Amino acid sequence: MTLLLFILGKEEIPLTNKYTSTFTKATMCVVYILFILGAIIGGVLVVCSAVWDTKLGLQIDTGMFIAYAAYLGTPTAVAIGFYAWKSKAENLLKIKAGNEGKEHDPLMDTLANMGGNI
């Protein structure tokens, strides 16, 4: 409704910037865009190469599929591992905050000792 009133000129939307741009956010945005472009272009090239090989009667080169899978799989695995680590740390903080003022809890000792060591 506010947007409609703004478009009609009957209400002004205050210009508050809740989003702060940082170098890290800009870098990650560029990395995401490059990864998606690489995935699209790589997928097209792998499929085209396989089609050309079959049209020429050649054996399909499996190395390109392996390289493409590594290109897609490596960042995905790292992102999943990072997300699991980050969510575990955030959950530990939430559990600690929820148990403040309570008597000693053996569960907290177990969770606190679950370090990042593998």
PDB file of N, CA and C in Angstrom:
ATOM      1  N   MET A   1       0.817  -1.190   0.000  1.00  0.00           N
ATOM      2  CA  MET A   1       0.000   0.000   0.000  1.00  0.00           C
ATOM      3  C   MET A   1       0.861   1.255   0.000  1.00  0.00           C
ATOM      4  N   THR A   2       1.953   1.212   0.760  1.00  0.00           N
ATOM      5  CA  THR A   2       2.842   2.371   0.823  1.00  0.00           C
ATOM      6  C   THR A   2       3.434   2.658  -0.547  1.00  0.00           C
ATOM      7  N   LEU A   3       3.793   1.614  -1.275  1.00  0.00           N
ATOM      8  CA  LEU A   3       4.369   1.790  -2.609  1.00  0.00           C
ATOM      9  C   LEU A   3       3.348   2.407  -3.549  1.00  0.00           C
ATOM     10  N   LEU A   4       2.094   1.984  -3.458  1.00  0.00           N
ATOM     11  CA  LEU A   4       1.042   2.543  -4.302  1.00  0.00           C
ATOM     12  C   LEU A   4       0.846   4.026  -4.010  1.00  0.00           C
ATOM     13  N   LEU A   5       0.826   4.378  -2.730  1.00  0.00           N
ATOM     14  CA  LEU A   5       0.691   5.798  -2.363  1.00  0.00           C
ATOM     15  C   LEU A   5       1.905   6.595  -2.822  1.00  0.00           C
ATOM     16  N   PHE A   6       3.073   5.980  -2.771  1.00  0.00           N
ATOM     17  CA  PHE A   6       4.276   6.661  -3.238  1.00  0.00           C
ATOM     18  C   PHE A   6       4.203   6.918  -4.738  1.00  0.00           C
ATOM     19  N   ILE A   7       3.743   5.906  -5.483  1.00  0.00           N
ATOM     20  CA  ILE A   7       3.634   6.055  -6.940  1.00  0.00           C
ATOM     21  C   ILE A   7       2.633   7.150  -7.278  1.00  0.00           C
ATOM     22  N   LEU A   8       1.541   7.218  -6.533  1.00  0.00           N
ATOM     23  CA  LEU A   8       0.542   8.248  -6.777  1.00  0.00           C
ATOM     24  C   LEU A   8       0.984   9.617  -6.278  1.00  0.00           C
ATOM     25  N   GLY A   9       2.095   9.668  -5.551  1.00  0.00           N
ATOM     26  CA  GLY A   9       2.625  10.943  -5.088  1.00  0.00           C
ATOM     27  C   GLY A   9       1.991  11.452  -3.807  1.00  0.00           C
ATOM     28  N   LYS A  10       1.296  10.592  -3.090  1.00  0.00           N
ATOM     29  CA  LYS A  10       0.613  11.030  -1.879  1.00  0.00           C
ATOM     30  C   LYS A  10       1.401  10.735  -0.613  1.00  0.00           C
ATOM     31  N   GLU A  11       2.474   9.967  -0.730  1.00  0.00           N
ATOM     32  CA  GLU A  11       3.274   9.642   0.447  1.00  0.00           C
ATOM     33  C   GLU A  11       4.728   9.539   0.023  1.00  0.00           C
ATOM     34  N   GLU A  12       5.591   9.988   0.898  1.00  0.00           N
ATOM     35  CA  GLU A  12       7.026   9.885   0.636  1.00  0.00           C
ATOM     36  C   GLU A  12       7.601   8.724   1.428  1.00  0.00           C
ATOM     37  N   ILE A  13       8.451   7.950   0.780  1.00  0.00           N
ATOM     38  CA  ILE A  13       9.120   6.845   1.446  1.00  0.00           C
ATOM     39  C   ILE A  13      10.451   7.362   1.971  1.00  0.00           C
ATOM     40  N   PRO A  14      10.684   7.231   3.280  1.00  0.00           N
ATOM     41  CA  PRO A  14      11.963   7.710   3.817  1.00  0.00           C
ATOM     42  C   PRO A  14      13.110   6.874   3.260  1.00  0.00           C
ATOM     43  N   LEU A  15      14.202   7.550   2.989  1.00  0.00           N
ATOM     44  CA  LEU A  15      15.368   6.878   2.432  1.00  0.00           C
ATOM     45  C   LEU A  15      16.281   6.405   3.557  1.00  0.00           C
ATOM     46  N   THR A  16      16.016   5.227   4.060  1.00  0.00           N
ATOM     47  CA  THR A  16      16.881   4.635   5.071  1.00  0.00           C
ATOM     48  C   THR A  16      17.582   3.453   4.440  1.00  0.00           C
ATOM     49  N   ASN A  17      18.869   3.406   4.623  1.00  0.00           N
ATOM     50  CA  ASN A  17      19.665   2.331   4.036  1.00  0.00           C
ATOM     51  C   ASN A  17      19.976   1.305   5.116  1.00  0.00           C
ATOM     52  N   LYS A  18      19.175   0.217   5.163  1.00  0.00           N
ATOM     53  CA  LYS A  18      19.414  -0.833   6.139  1.00  0.00           C
ATOM     54  C   LYS A  18      20.469  -1.806   5.643  1.00  0.00           C
ATOM     55  N   TYR A  19      20.711  -1.804   4.350  1.00  0.00           N
ATOM     56  CA  TYR A  19      21.701  -2.709   3.765  1.00  0.00           C
ATOM     57  C   TYR A  19      23.027  -1.976   3.645  1.00  0.00           C
ATOM     58  N   THR A  20      24.042  -2.533   4.258  1.00  0.00           N
ATOM     59  CA  THR A  20      25.360  -1.924   4.151  1.00  0.00           C
ATOM     60  C   THR A  20      26.223  -2.795   3.264  1.00  0.00           C
ATOM     61  N   SER A  21      26.790  -2.187   2.270  1.00  0.00           N
ATOM     62  CA  SER A  21      27.640  -2.903   1.334  1.00  0.00           C
ATOM     63  C   SER A  21      29.066  -2.924   1.868  1.00  0.00           C
ATOM     64  N   THR A  22      29.657  -4.093   1.884  1.00  0.00           N
ATOM     65  CA  THR A  22      31.035  -4.226   2.314  1.00  0.00           C
ATOM     66  C   THR A  22      31.835  -4.886   1.208  1.00  0.00           C
ATOM     67  N   PHE A  23      33.135  -4.854   1.346  1.00  0.00           N
ATOM     68  CA  PHE A  23      34.013  -5.459   0.354  1.00  0.00           C
ATOM     69  C   PHE A  23      33.766  -6.961   0.275  1.00  0.00           C
ATOM     70  N   THR A  24      33.523  -7.592   1.415  1.00  0.00           N
ATOM     71  CA  THR A  24      33.281  -9.037   1.430  1.00  0.00           C
ATOM     72  C   THR A  24      32.005  -9.387   0.676  1.00  0.00           C
ATOM     73  N   LYS A  25      30.940  -8.616   0.892  1.00  0.00           N
ATOM     74  CA  LYS A  25      29.682  -8.878   0.189  1.00  0.00           C
ATOM     75  C   LYS A  25      29.851  -8.681  -1.316  1.00  0.00           C
ATOM     76  N   ALA A  26      30.563  -7.639  -1.709  1.00  0.00           N
ATOM     77  CA  ALA A  26      30.791  -7.392  -3.127  1.00  0.00           C
ATOM     78  C   ALA A  26      31.634  -8.506  -3.747  1.00  0.00           C
ATOM     79  N   THR A  27      32.640  -8.957  -3.023  1.00  0.00           N
ATOM     80  CA  THR A  27      33.491 -10.037  -3.528  1.00  0.00           C
ATOM     81  C   THR A  27      32.690 -11.322  -3.673  1.00  0.00           C
ATOM     82  N   MET A  28      31.891 -11.652  -2.669  1.00  0.00           N
ATOM     83  CA  MET A  28      31.092 -12.869  -2.743  1.00  0.00           C
ATOM     84  C   MET A  28      30.065 -12.789  -3.868  1.00  0.00           C
ATOM     85  N   CYS A  29      29.506 -11.629  -4.109  1.00  0.00           N
ATOM     86  CA  CYS A  29      28.557 -11.450  -5.200  1.00  0.00           C
ATOM     87  C   CYS A  29      29.237 -11.734  -6.541  1.00  0.00           C
ATOM     88  N   VAL A  30      30.442 -11.219  -6.726  1.00  0.00           N
ATOM     89  CA  VAL A  30      31.191 -11.472  -7.951  1.00  0.00           C
ATOM     90  C   VAL A  30      31.529 -12.954  -8.083  1.00  0.00           C
ATOM     91  N   VAL A  31      31.919 -13.591  -6.987  1.00  0.00           N
ATOM     92  CA  VAL A  31      32.240 -15.019  -7.016  1.00  0.00           C
ATOM     93  C   VAL A  31      31.012 -15.835  -7.396  1.00  0.00           C
ATOM     94  N   TYR A  32      29.848 -15.514  -6.815  1.00  0.00           N
ATOM     95  CA  TYR A  32      28.617 -16.236  -7.142  1.00  0.00           C
ATOM     96  C   TYR A  32      28.267 -16.083  -8.621  1.00  0.00           C
ATOM     97  N   ILE A  33      28.350 -14.871  -9.120  1.00  0.00           N
ATOM     98  CA  ILE A  33      28.020 -14.623 -10.519  1.00  0.00           C
ATOM     99  C   ILE A  33      28.973 -15.388 -11.436  1.00  0.00           C
ATOM    100  N   LEU A  34      30.267 -15.346 -11.137  1.00  0.00           N
ATOM    101  CA  LEU A  34      31.232 -16.062 -11.963  1.00  0.00           C
ATOM    102  C   LEU A  34      31.015 -17.573 -11.896  1.00  0.00           C
ATOM    103  N   PHE A  35      30.668 -18.090 -10.722  1.00  0.00           N
ATOM    104  CA  PHE A  35      30.409 -19.525 -10.593  1.00  0.00           C
ATOM    105  C   PHE A  35      29.202 -19.932 -11.431  1.00  0.00           C
ATOM    106  N   ILE A  36      28.125 -19.160 -11.358  1.00  0.00           N
ATOM    107  CA  ILE A  36      26.926 -19.491 -12.125  1.00  0.00           C
ATOM    108  C   ILE A  36      27.194 -19.396 -13.618  1.00  0.00           C
ATOM    109  N   LEU A  37      27.894 -18.341 -14.048  1.00  0.00           N
ATOM    110  CA  LEU A  37      28.251 -18.226 -15.464  1.00  0.00           C
ATOM    111  C   LEU A  37      29.135 -19.387 -15.903  1.00  0.00           C
ATOM    112  N   GLY A  38      30.102 -19.749 -15.075  1.00  0.00           N
ATOM    113  CA  GLY A  38      30.974 -20.880 -15.404  1.00  0.00           C
ATOM    114  C   GLY A  38      30.214 -22.183 -15.485  1.00  0.00           C
ATOM    115  N   ALA A  39      29.234 -22.369 -14.601  1.00  0.00           N
ATOM    116  CA  ALA A  39      28.428 -23.589 -14.630  1.00  0.00           C
ATOM    117  C   ALA A  39      27.588 -23.658 -15.899  1.00  0.00           C
ATOM    118  N   ILE A  40      27.001 -22.545 -16.283  1.00  0.00           N
ATOM    119  CA  ILE A  40      26.176 -22.517 -17.497  1.00  0.00           C
ATOM    120  C   ILE A  40      27.031 -22.721 -18.740  1.00  0.00           C
ATOM    121  N   ILE A  41      28.103 -21.949 -18.867  1.00  0.00           N
ATOM    122  CA  ILE A  41      28.970 -22.058 -20.041  1.00  0.00           C
ATOM    123  C   ILE A  41      29.632 -23.429 -20.089  1.00  0.00           C
ATOM    124  N   GLY A  42      30.091 -23.927 -18.947  1.00  0.00           N
ATOM    125  CA  GLY A  42      30.717 -25.244 -18.892  1.00  0.00           C
ATOM    126  C   GLY A  42      29.754 -26.346 -19.280  1.00  0.00           C
ATOM    127  N   GLY A  43      28.516 -26.260 -18.807  1.00  0.00           N
ATOM    128  CA  GLY A  43      27.508 -27.252 -19.172  1.00  0.00           C
ATOM    129  C   GLY A  43      27.227 -27.267 -20.662  1.00  0.00           C
ATOM    130  N   VAL A  44      27.117 -26.078 -21.242  1.00  0.00           N
ATOM    131  CA  VAL A  44      26.889 -25.983 -22.690  1.00  0.00           C
ATOM    132  C   VAL A  44      28.074 -26.558 -23.463  1.00  0.00           C
ATOM    133  N   LEU A  45      29.287 -26.229 -23.041  1.00  0.00           N
ATOM    134  CA  LEU A  45      30.474 -26.731 -23.743  1.00  0.00           C
ATOM    135  C   LEU A  45      30.619 -28.240 -23.620  1.00  0.00           C
ATOM    136  N   VAL A  46      30.319 -28.792 -22.453  1.00  0.00           N
ATOM    137  CA  VAL A  46      30.428 -30.247 -22.263  1.00  0.00           C
ATOM    138  C   VAL A  46      29.410 -30.973 -23.142  1.00  0.00           C
ATOM    139  N   VAL A  47      28.177 -30.470 -23.164  1.00  0.00           N
ATOM    140  CA  VAL A  47      27.147 -31.107 -23.983  1.00  0.00           C
ATOM    141  C   VAL A  47      27.477 -30.972 -25.466  1.00  0.00           C
ATOM    142  N   CYS A  48      27.898 -29.783 -25.895  1.00  0.00           N
ATOM    143  CA  CYS A  48      28.254 -29.581 -27.306  1.00  0.00           C
ATOM    144  C   CYS A  48      29.426 -30.471 -27.710  1.00  0.00           C
ATOM    145  N   SER A  49      30.411 -30.584 -26.867  1.00  0.00           N
ATOM    146  CA  SER A  49      31.559 -31.425 -27.163  1.00  0.00           C
ATOM    147  C   SER A  49      31.162 -32.892 -27.287  1.00  0.00           C
ATOM    148  N   ALA A  50      30.273 -33.344 -26.400  1.00  0.00           N
ATOM    149  CA  ALA A  50      29.807 -34.729 -26.471  1.00  0.00           C
ATOM    150  C   ALA A  50      29.002 -34.966 -27.747  1.00  0.00           C
ATOM    151  N   VAL A  51      28.179 -34.004 -28.126  1.00  0.00           N
ATOM    152  CA  VAL A  51      27.386 -34.138 -29.352  1.00  0.00           C
ATOM    153  C   VAL A  51      28.294 -34.171 -30.572  1.00  0.00           C
ATOM    154  N   TRP A  52      29.290 -33.284 -30.612  1.00  0.00           N
ATOM    155  CA  TRP A  52      30.215 -33.263 -31.758  1.00  0.00           C
ATOM    156  C   TRP A  52      31.010 -34.560 -31.847  1.00  0.00           C
ATOM    157  N   ASP A  53      31.437 -35.062 -30.690  1.00  0.00           N
ATOM    158  CA  ASP A  53      32.187 -36.328 -30.694  1.00  0.00           C
ATOM    159  C   ASP A  53      31.343 -37.477 -31.245  1.00  0.00           C
ATOM    160  N   THR A  54      30.076 -37.531 -30.856  1.00  0.00           N
ATOM    161  CA  THR A  54      29.220 -38.614 -31.352  1.00  0.00           C
ATOM    162  C   THR A  54      28.906 -38.441 -32.828  1.00  0.00           C
ATOM    163  N   LYS A  55      28.758 -37.203 -33.291  1.00  0.00           N
ATOM    164  CA  LYS A  55      28.500 -36.968 -34.716  1.00  0.00           C
ATOM    165  C   LYS A  55      29.695 -37.356 -35.572  1.00  0.00           C
ATOM    166  N   LEU A  56      30.889 -37.158 -35.037  1.00  0.00           N
ATOM    167  CA  LEU A  56      32.112 -37.500 -35.767  1.00  0.00           C
ATOM    168  C   LEU A  56      32.478 -38.977 -35.612  1.00  0.00           C
ATOM    169  N   GLY A  57      31.721 -39.680 -34.800  1.00  0.00           N
ATOM    170  CA  GLY A  57      31.989 -41.092 -34.588  1.00  0.00           C
ATOM    171  C   GLY A  57      33.150 -41.354 -33.635  1.00  0.00           C
ATOM    172  N   LEU A  58      33.519 -40.362 -32.876  1.00  0.00           N
ATOM    173  CA  LEU A  58      34.609 -40.515 -31.918  1.00  0.00           C
ATOM    174  C   LEU A  58      34.066 -40.966 -30.567  1.00  0.00           C
ATOM    175  N   GLN A  59      34.962 -41.466 -29.753  1.00  0.00           N
ATOM    176  CA  GLN A  59      34.588 -41.845 -28.405  1.00  0.00           C
ATOM    177  C   GLN A  59      34.472 -40.570 -27.559  1.00  0.00           C
ATOM    178  N   ILE A  60      33.446 -40.516 -26.694  1.00  0.00           N
ATOM    179  CA  ILE A  60      33.234 -39.324 -25.867  1.00  0.00           C
ATOM    180  C   ILE A  60      34.328 -39.256 -24.820  1.00  0.00           C
ATOM    181  N   ASP A  61      34.914 -38.074 -24.699  1.00  0.00           N
ATOM    182  CA  ASP A  61      35.983 -37.844 -23.719  1.00  0.00           C
ATOM    183  C   ASP A  61      35.353 -37.681 -22.331  1.00  0.00           C
ATOM    184  N   THR A  62      35.625 -38.632 -21.440  1.00  0.00           N
ATOM    185  CA  THR A  62      35.050 -38.559 -20.093  1.00  0.00           C
ATOM    186  C   THR A  62      35.772 -37.562 -19.202  1.00  0.00           C
ATOM    187  N   GLY A  63      36.945 -37.129 -19.589  1.00  0.00           N
ATOM    188  CA  GLY A  63      37.699 -36.174 -18.788  1.00  0.00           C
ATOM    189  C   GLY A  63      36.972 -34.858 -18.614  1.00  0.00           C
ATOM    190  N   MET A  64      36.232 -34.448 -19.647  1.00  0.00           N
ATOM    191  CA  MET A  64      35.507 -33.174 -19.540  1.00  0.00           C
ATOM    192  C   MET A  64      34.371 -33.281 -18.527  1.00  0.00           C
ATOM    193  N   PHE A  65      33.725 -34.444 -18.440  1.00  0.00           N
ATOM    194  CA  PHE A  65      32.667 -34.628 -17.450  1.00  0.00           C
ATOM    195  C   PHE A  65      33.245 -34.624 -16.032  1.00  0.00           C
ATOM    196  N   ILE A  66      34.407 -35.232 -15.871  1.00  0.00           N
ATOM    197  CA  ILE A  66      35.059 -35.272 -14.560  1.00  0.00           C
ATOM    198  C   ILE A  66      35.460 -33.866 -14.127  1.00  0.00           C
ATOM    199  N   ALA A  67      36.027 -33.101 -15.050  1.00  0.00           N
ATOM    200  CA  ALA A  67      36.430 -31.726 -14.728  1.00  0.00           C
ATOM    201  C   ALA A  67      35.212 -30.864 -14.399  1.00  0.00           C
ATOM    202  N   TYR A  68      34.133 -31.055 -15.158  1.00  0.00           N
ATOM    203  CA  TYR A  68      32.918 -30.284 -14.909  1.00  0.00           C
ATOM    204  C   TYR A  68      32.305 -30.653 -13.557  1.00  0.00           C
ATOM    205  N   ALA A  69      32.304 -31.940 -13.230  1.00  0.00           N
ATOM    206  CA  ALA A  69      31.782 -32.378 -11.932  1.00  0.00           C
ATOM    207  C   ALA A  69      32.621 -31.814 -10.787  1.00  0.00           C
ATOM    208  N   ALA A  70      33.941 -31.765 -10.974  1.00  0.00           N
ATOM    209  CA  ALA A  70      34.813 -31.190  -9.942  1.00  0.00           C
ATOM    210  C   ALA A  70      34.566 -29.691  -9.791  1.00  0.00           C
ATOM    211  N   TYR A  71      34.325 -29.013 -10.923  1.00  0.00           N
ATOM    212  CA  TYR A  71      34.040 -27.575 -10.883  1.00  0.00           C
ATOM    213  C   TYR A  71      32.768 -27.297 -10.094  1.00  0.00           C
ATOM    214  N   LEU A  72      31.763 -28.139 -10.282  1.00  0.00           N
ATOM    215  CA  LEU A  72      30.503 -27.935  -9.567  1.00  0.00           C
ATOM    216  C   LEU A  72      30.548 -28.482  -8.143  1.00  0.00           C
ATOM    217  N   GLY A  73      31.212 -29.619  -7.952  1.00  0.00           N
ATOM    218  CA  GLY A  73      31.173 -30.301  -6.672  1.00  0.00           C
ATOM    219  C   GLY A  73      32.035 -29.701  -5.589  1.00  0.00           C
ATOM    220  N   THR A  74      33.191 -29.184  -5.952  1.00  0.00           N
ATOM    221  CA  THR A  74      34.112 -28.661  -4.944  1.00  0.00           C
ATOM    222  C   THR A  74      33.529 -27.474  -4.175  1.00  0.00           C
ATOM    223  N   PRO A  75      33.070 -26.428  -4.846  1.00  0.00           N
ATOM    224  CA  PRO A  75      32.486 -25.316  -4.078  1.00  0.00           C
ATOM    225  C   PRO A  75      31.221 -25.722  -3.326  1.00  0.00           C
ATOM    226  N   THR A  76      30.469 -26.647  -3.890  1.00  0.00           N
ATOM    227  CA  THR A  76      29.255 -27.104  -3.218  1.00  0.00           C
ATOM    228  C   THR A  76      29.597 -27.819  -1.915  1.00  0.00           C
ATOM    229  N   ALA A  77      30.591 -28.697  -1.954  1.00  0.00           N
ATOM    230  CA  ALA A  77      31.002 -29.418  -0.745  1.00  0.00           C
ATOM    231  C   ALA A  77      31.557 -28.467   0.301  1.00  0.00           C
ATOM    232  N   VAL A  78      32.333 -27.485  -0.125  1.00  0.00           N
ATOM    233  CA  VAL A  78      32.892 -26.511   0.817  1.00  0.00           C
ATOM    234  C   VAL A  78      31.771 -25.685   1.439  1.00  0.00           C
ATOM    235  N   ALA A  79      30.788 -25.286   0.636  1.00  0.00           N
ATOM    236  CA  ALA A  79      29.671 -24.489   1.150  1.00  0.00           C
ATOM    237  C   ALA A  79      28.848 -25.288   2.157  1.00  0.00           C
ATOM    238  N   ILE A  80      28.615 -26.576   1.872  1.00  0.00           N
ATOM    239  CA  ILE A  80      27.853 -27.411   2.800  1.00  0.00           C
ATOM    240  C   ILE A  80      28.623 -27.579   4.112  1.00  0.00           C
ATOM    241  N   GLY A  81      29.930 -27.817   4.024  1.00  0.00           N
ATOM    242  CA  GLY A  81      30.748 -27.961   5.227  1.00  0.00           C
ATOM    243  C   GLY A  81      30.771 -26.687   6.055  1.00  0.00           C
ATOM    244  N   PHE A  82      30.910 -25.545   5.376  1.00  0.00           N
ATOM    245  CA  PHE A  82      30.917 -24.265   6.080  1.00  0.00           C
ATOM    246  C   PHE A  82      29.570 -24.008   6.744  1.00  0.00           C
ATOM    247  N   TYR A  83      28.485 -24.302   6.043  1.00  0.00           N
ATOM    248  CA  TYR A  83      27.153 -24.084   6.605  1.00  0.00           C
ATOM    249  C   TYR A  83      26.931 -24.962   7.832  1.00  0.00           C
ATOM    250  N   ALA A  84      27.366 -26.216   7.764  1.00  0.00           N
ATOM    251  CA  ALA A  84      27.213 -27.114   8.910  1.00  0.00           C
ATOM    252  C   ALA A  84      28.015 -26.603  10.108  1.00  0.00           C
ATOM    253  N   TRP A  85      29.240 -26.142   9.863  1.00  0.00           N
ATOM    254  CA  TRP A  85      30.069 -25.612  10.941  1.00  0.00           C
ATOM    255  C   TRP A  85      29.440 -24.362  11.552  1.00  0.00           C
ATOM    256  N   LYS A  86      28.955 -23.465  10.688  1.00  0.00           N
ATOM    257  CA  LYS A  86      28.386 -22.211  11.165  1.00  0.00           C
ATOM    258  C   LYS A  86      27.087 -22.454  11.941  1.00  0.00           C
ATOM    259  N   SER A  87      26.240 -23.337  11.440  1.00  0.00           N
ATOM    260  CA  SER A  87      24.980 -23.594  12.143  1.00  0.00           C
ATOM    261  C   SER A  87      25.231 -24.276  13.485  1.00  0.00           C
ATOM    262  N   LYS A  88      26.250 -25.149  13.552  1.00  0.00           N
ATOM    263  CA  LYS A  88      26.572 -25.790  14.829  1.00  0.00           C
ATOM    264  C   LYS A  88      27.036 -24.734  15.839  1.00  0.00           C
ATOM    265  N   ALA A  89      27.864 -23.809  15.396  1.00  0.00           N
ATOM    266  CA  ALA A  89      28.352 -22.760  16.292  1.00  0.00           C
ATOM    267  C   ALA A  89      27.205 -21.858  16.755  1.00  0.00           C
ATOM    268  N   GLU A  90      26.314 -21.499  15.829  1.00  0.00           N
ATOM    269  CA  GLU A  90      25.177 -20.651  16.211  1.00  0.00           C
ATOM    270  C   GLU A  90      24.243 -21.377  17.173  1.00  0.00           C
ATOM    271  N   ASN A  91      24.005 -22.657  16.936  1.00  0.00           N
ATOM    272  CA  ASN A  91      23.137 -23.424  17.833  1.00  0.00           C
ATOM    273  C   ASN A  91      23.754 -23.568  19.217  1.00  0.00           C
ATOM    274  N   LEU A  92      25.070 -23.747  19.264  1.00  0.00           N
ATOM    275  CA  LEU A  92      25.751 -23.816  20.559  1.00  0.00           C
ATOM    276  C   LEU A  92      25.558 -22.526  21.341  1.00  0.00           C
ATOM    277  N   LEU A  93      25.685 -21.391  20.653  1.00  0.00           N
ATOM    278  CA  LEU A  93      25.484 -20.102  21.316  1.00  0.00           C
ATOM    279  C   LEU A  93      24.045 -19.947  21.810  1.00  0.00           C
ATOM    280  N   LYS A  94      23.081 -20.396  21.003  1.00  0.00           N
ATOM    281  CA  LYS A  94      21.677 -20.312  21.415  1.00  0.00           C
ATOM    282  C   LYS A  94      21.407 -21.191  22.628  1.00  0.00           C
ATOM    283  N   ILE A  95      21.972 -22.386  22.633  1.00  0.00           N
ATOM    284  CA  ILE A  95      21.768 -23.298  23.765  1.00  0.00           C
ATOM    285  C   ILE A  95      22.406 -22.721  25.021  1.00  0.00           C
ATOM    286  N   LYS A  96      23.620 -22.153  24.882  1.00  0.00           N
ATOM    287  CA  LYS A  96      24.277 -21.540  26.035  1.00  0.00           C
ATOM    288  C   LYS A  96      23.462 -20.368  26.561  1.00  0.00           C
ATOM    289  N   ALA A  97      22.907 -19.546  25.661  1.00  0.00           N
ATOM    290  CA  ALA A  97      22.115 -18.394  26.088  1.00  0.00           C
ATOM    291  C   ALA A  97      20.829 -18.851  26.772  1.00  0.00           C
ATOM    292  N   GLY A  98      20.259 -19.941  26.305  1.00  0.00           N
ATOM    293  CA  GLY A  98      19.030 -20.452  26.912  1.00  0.00           C
ATOM    294  C   GLY A  98      19.255 -21.110  28.257  1.00  0.00           C
ATOM    295  N   ASN A  99      20.474 -21.549  28.530  1.00  0.00           N
ATOM    296  CA  ASN A  99      20.775 -22.243  29.786  1.00  0.00           C
ATOM    297  C   ASN A  99      21.496 -21.370  30.795  1.00  0.00           C
ATOM    298  N   GLU A 100      21.559 -20.067  30.567  1.00  0.00           N
ATOM    299  CA  GLU A 100      22.226 -19.178  31.526  1.00  0.00           C
ATOM    300  C   GLU A 100      21.422 -19.151  32.823  1.00  0.00           C
ATOM    301  N   GLY A 101      22.129 -19.197  33.915  1.00  0.00           N
ATOM    302  CA  GLY A 101      21.489 -19.131  35.218  1.00  0.00           C
ATOM    303  C   GLY A 101      20.998 -20.470  35.729  1.00  0.00           C
ATOM    304  N   LYS A 102      21.094 -21.496  34.918  1.00  0.00           N
ATOM    305  CA  LYS A 102      20.673 -22.830  35.355  1.00  0.00           C
ATOM    306  C   LYS A 102      21.872 -23.544  35.943  1.00  0.00           C
ATOM    307  N   GLU A 103      21.599 -24.593  36.676  1.00  0.00           N
ATOM    308  CA  GLU A 103      22.702 -25.344  37.264  1.00  0.00           C
ATOM    309  C   GLU A 103      23.440 -26.124  36.185  1.00  0.00           C
ATOM    310  N   HIS A 104      24.537 -26.723  36.560  1.00  0.00           N
ATOM    311  CA  HIS A 104      25.433 -27.413  35.633  1.00  0.00           C
ATOM    312  C   HIS A 104      24.685 -28.451  34.796  1.00  0.00           C
ATOM    313  N   ASP A 105      24.884 -28.379  33.481  1.00  0.00           N
ATOM    314  CA  ASP A 105      24.205 -29.281  32.560  1.00  0.00           C
ATOM    315  C   ASP A 105      25.244 -30.117  31.817  1.00  0.00           C
ATOM    316  N   PRO A 106      25.214 -31.445  31.955  1.00  0.00           N
ATOM    317  CA  PRO A 106      26.199 -32.277  31.256  1.00  0.00           C
ATOM    318  C   PRO A 106      26.068 -32.196  29.735  1.00  0.00           C
ATOM    319  N   LEU A 107      24.866 -31.885  29.261  1.00  0.00           N
ATOM    320  CA  LEU A 107      24.681 -31.730  27.815  1.00  0.00           C
ATOM    321  C   LEU A 107      25.537 -30.591  27.283  1.00  0.00           C
ATOM    322  N   MET A 108      25.625 -29.499  28.044  1.00  0.00           N
ATOM    323  CA  MET A 108      26.434 -28.361  27.606  1.00  0.00           C
ATOM    324  C   MET A 108      27.904 -28.730  27.547  1.00  0.00           C
ATOM    325  N   ASP A 109      28.381 -29.543  28.479  1.00  0.00           N
ATOM    326  CA  ASP A 109      29.777 -29.989  28.425  1.00  0.00           C
ATOM    327  C   ASP A 109      30.037 -30.800  27.172  1.00  0.00           C
ATOM    328  N   THR A 110      29.102 -31.671  26.841  1.00  0.00           N
ATOM    329  CA  THR A 110      29.247 -32.489  25.637  1.00  0.00           C
ATOM    330  C   THR A 110      29.257 -31.620  24.393  1.00  0.00           C
ATOM    331  N   LEU A 111      28.322 -30.675  24.320  1.00  0.00           N
ATOM    332  CA  LEU A 111      28.255 -29.801  23.154  1.00  0.00           C
ATOM    333  C   LEU A 111      29.468 -28.896  23.048  1.00  0.00           C
ATOM    334  N   ALA A 112      29.941 -28.394  24.176  1.00  0.00           N
ATOM    335  CA  ALA A 112      31.106 -27.517  24.165  1.00  0.00           C
ATOM    336  C   ALA A 112      32.366 -28.243  23.742  1.00  0.00           C
ATOM    337  N   ASN A 113      32.444 -29.540  24.032  1.00  0.00           N
ATOM    338  CA  ASN A 113      33.618 -30.321  23.658  1.00  0.00           C
ATOM    339  C   ASN A 113      33.559 -30.843  22.230  1.00  0.00           C
ATOM    340  N   MET A 114      32.473 -30.559  21.532  1.00  0.00           N
ATOM    341  CA  MET A 114      32.369 -30.977  20.134  1.00  0.00           C
ATOM    342  C   MET A 114      33.085 -29.948  19.265  1.00  0.00           C
ATOM    343  N   GLY A 115      34.378 -29.907  19.366  1.00  0.00           N
ATOM    344  CA  GLY A 115      35.165 -28.935  18.622  1.00  0.00           C
ATOM    345  C   GLY A 115      35.159 -29.231  17.135  1.00  0.00           C
ATOM    346  N   GLY A 116      35.797 -28.387  16.389  1.00  0.00           N
ATOM    347  CA  GLY A 116      35.888 -28.558  14.961  1.00  0.00           C
ATOM    348  C   GLY A 116      36.928 -29.567  14.531  1.00  0.00           C
ATOM    349  N   ASN A 117      37.532 -30.266  15.493  1.00  0.00           N
ATOM    350  CA  ASN A 117      38.577 -31.244  15.157  1.00  0.00           C
ATOM    351  C   ASN A 117      37.940 -32.507  14.588  1.00  0.00           C
ATOM    352  N   ILE A 118      38.516 -32.963  13.511  1.00  0.00           N
ATOM    353  CA  ILE A 118      37.992 -34.173  12.871  1.00  0.00           C
ATOM    354  C   ILE A 118      39.026 -35.269  12.985  1.00  0.00           C
TER     355      ILE A 118
END
